[in-house]
N, C-alpha and C. Protein backbone atom coordinates (compact mmCIF):
# COMPACT_ATOMS: atom_id res chain seq x y z
N UNK A 1 12.27 24.54 7.96
CA UNK A 1 11.57 23.18 8.85
C UNK A 1 10.00 23.23 8.27
N UNK A 2 9.26 24.12 8.20
CA UNK A 2 7.88 24.13 8.23
C UNK A 2 7.36 23.27 7.14
N UNK A 3 8.51 23.41 5.83
CA UNK A 3 8.35 22.71 4.28
C UNK A 3 8.52 21.32 4.51
N UNK A 4 9.49 21.17 5.24
CA UNK A 4 9.79 19.63 5.66
C UNK A 4 8.47 18.76 6.40
N UNK A 5 8.23 19.43 7.65
CA UNK A 5 6.98 19.19 8.19
C UNK A 5 5.69 18.99 7.42
N UNK A 6 5.90 19.99 6.36
CA UNK A 6 4.38 19.72 5.48
C UNK A 6 4.42 18.71 4.65
N UNK A 7 5.83 18.58 4.09
CA UNK A 7 6.02 17.28 3.22
C UNK A 7 5.74 16.14 3.65
N UNK A 8 6.30 15.96 4.86
CA UNK A 8 6.03 14.59 5.76
C UNK A 8 4.42 14.20 5.98
N UNK A 9 3.65 15.23 6.27
CA UNK A 9 2.34 15.00 6.28
C UNK A 9 1.60 14.86 5.08
N UNK A 10 2.00 15.41 3.87
CA UNK A 10 1.51 15.19 2.67
C UNK A 10 1.98 13.44 2.74
N UNK A 11 3.12 13.31 2.81
CA UNK A 11 3.43 11.66 2.39
C UNK A 11 2.74 10.87 3.08
N UNK A 12 2.37 11.15 4.16
CA UNK A 12 1.37 10.14 5.52
C UNK A 12 0.33 10.30 4.93
N UNK A 13 -0.41 11.29 4.55
CA UNK A 13 -1.41 11.41 3.80
C UNK A 13 -1.62 10.47 2.74
N UNK A 14 -0.93 10.41 1.92
CA UNK A 14 -0.57 9.74 0.45
C UNK A 14 -0.73 8.42 0.31
N UNK A 15 -0.23 7.96 1.66
CA UNK A 15 0.23 6.65 1.78
C UNK A 15 -1.06 5.74 2.67
N UNK A 16 -1.68 6.59 3.28
CA UNK A 16 -2.86 6.12 3.89
C UNK A 16 -3.76 6.09 3.35
N UNK A 17 -3.85 7.04 1.87
CA UNK A 17 -5.10 7.07 1.32
C UNK A 17 -4.85 5.75 -0.23
N UNK A 18 -3.57 5.76 -0.42
CA UNK A 18 -2.91 4.63 -1.01
C UNK A 18 -3.53 2.98 -0.77
N UNK A 19 -3.16 2.76 0.54
CA UNK A 19 -3.55 1.51 1.24
C UNK A 19 -5.15 1.48 1.27
N UNK A 20 -5.88 2.81 1.70
CA UNK A 20 -7.25 2.52 1.83
C UNK A 20 -8.14 2.08 0.43
N UNK A 21 -7.47 2.83 -0.59
CA UNK A 21 -7.84 2.46 -1.95
C UNK A 21 -7.41 1.05 -2.18
N UNK A 22 -6.23 0.45 -1.98
CA UNK A 22 -6.06 -0.90 -2.30
C UNK A 22 -7.13 -1.69 -1.49
N UNK A 23 -7.04 -1.40 -0.24
CA UNK A 23 -8.08 -2.40 0.17
C UNK A 23 -9.31 -2.26 0.16
N UNK A 24 -10.09 -1.15 -0.48
CA UNK A 24 -11.31 -0.92 -0.94
C UNK A 24 -11.55 -1.67 -2.21
N UNK A 25 -10.43 -1.96 -3.20
CA UNK A 25 -10.52 -2.43 -4.31
C UNK A 25 -10.36 -3.88 -4.35
N UNK A 26 -9.07 -4.14 -3.68
CA UNK A 26 -8.50 -5.53 -3.88
C UNK A 26 -9.48 -6.35 -2.49
N UNK A 27 -9.51 -5.76 -1.48
CA UNK A 27 -10.58 -6.23 -0.02
C UNK A 27 -9.26 -6.89 0.63
N UNK A 28 -7.95 -6.20 0.29
CA UNK A 28 -7.00 -7.00 1.44
C UNK A 28 -6.21 -6.12 1.39
N UNK A 29 -4.88 -5.74 2.33
CA UNK A 29 -3.76 -4.84 1.88
C UNK A 29 -2.80 -5.54 1.40
N UNK A 30 -2.13 -4.54 0.34
CA UNK A 30 -0.96 -5.16 -0.52
C UNK A 30 0.06 -6.22 0.06
N UNK A 31 0.29 -6.40 1.49
CA UNK A 31 1.40 -7.38 1.94
C UNK A 31 0.43 -8.46 2.22
N UNK A 32 -0.73 -8.76 2.11
CA UNK A 32 -1.46 -10.25 2.28
C UNK A 32 -1.80 -10.79 0.81
N UNK A 33 -1.42 -11.83 0.61
CA UNK A 33 -1.42 -12.49 -0.70
C UNK A 33 -1.51 -13.76 -0.13
N UNK A 34 -2.57 -14.56 -1.16
CA UNK A 34 -3.23 -15.78 -1.27
C UNK A 34 -1.91 -16.81 -1.63
N UNK A 35 -1.96 -17.88 -1.28
CA UNK A 35 -1.09 -18.75 -1.72
C UNK A 35 -0.90 -19.10 -2.62
N UNK A 36 -2.07 -19.12 -3.72
CA UNK A 36 -1.83 -19.40 -4.77
C UNK A 36 -1.16 -18.20 -6.12
N UNK A 37 -1.13 -16.88 -5.37
CA UNK A 37 -0.85 -15.96 -6.15
C UNK A 37 1.10 -15.97 -5.52
N UNK A 38 1.23 -16.59 -4.56
CA UNK A 38 2.81 -17.02 -4.22
C UNK A 38 3.69 -17.82 -4.85
N UNK A 39 2.59 -18.96 -5.29
CA UNK A 39 2.96 -20.28 -6.08
C UNK A 39 3.42 -19.71 -7.37
N UNK A 40 2.55 -19.12 -8.22
CA UNK A 40 2.43 -18.49 -9.17
C UNK A 40 3.64 -17.53 -9.16
N UNK A 41 4.19 -16.76 -8.41
CA UNK A 41 5.52 -16.17 -8.42
C UNK A 41 6.56 -16.81 -8.71
N UNK A 42 6.55 -17.75 -7.71
CA UNK A 42 7.66 -18.95 -7.51
C UNK A 42 8.02 -19.36 -8.56
N UNK A 43 6.77 -19.91 -9.23
CA UNK A 43 7.43 -20.67 -10.53
C UNK A 43 7.87 -19.98 -11.83
N UNK A 44 7.64 -18.62 -11.58
CA UNK A 44 8.08 -17.52 -13.08
C UNK A 44 9.57 -17.73 -12.93
């Protein structure tokens, strides 16, 4: 049980750090996309 809990904590920390890096680099969260990016993906 302790290993499962430790793995869960590691996954949560990794997710938080990933979102923090994305916010720092791009200036927005991954689910926040500009309208122009949405149009480009729809045209493809």
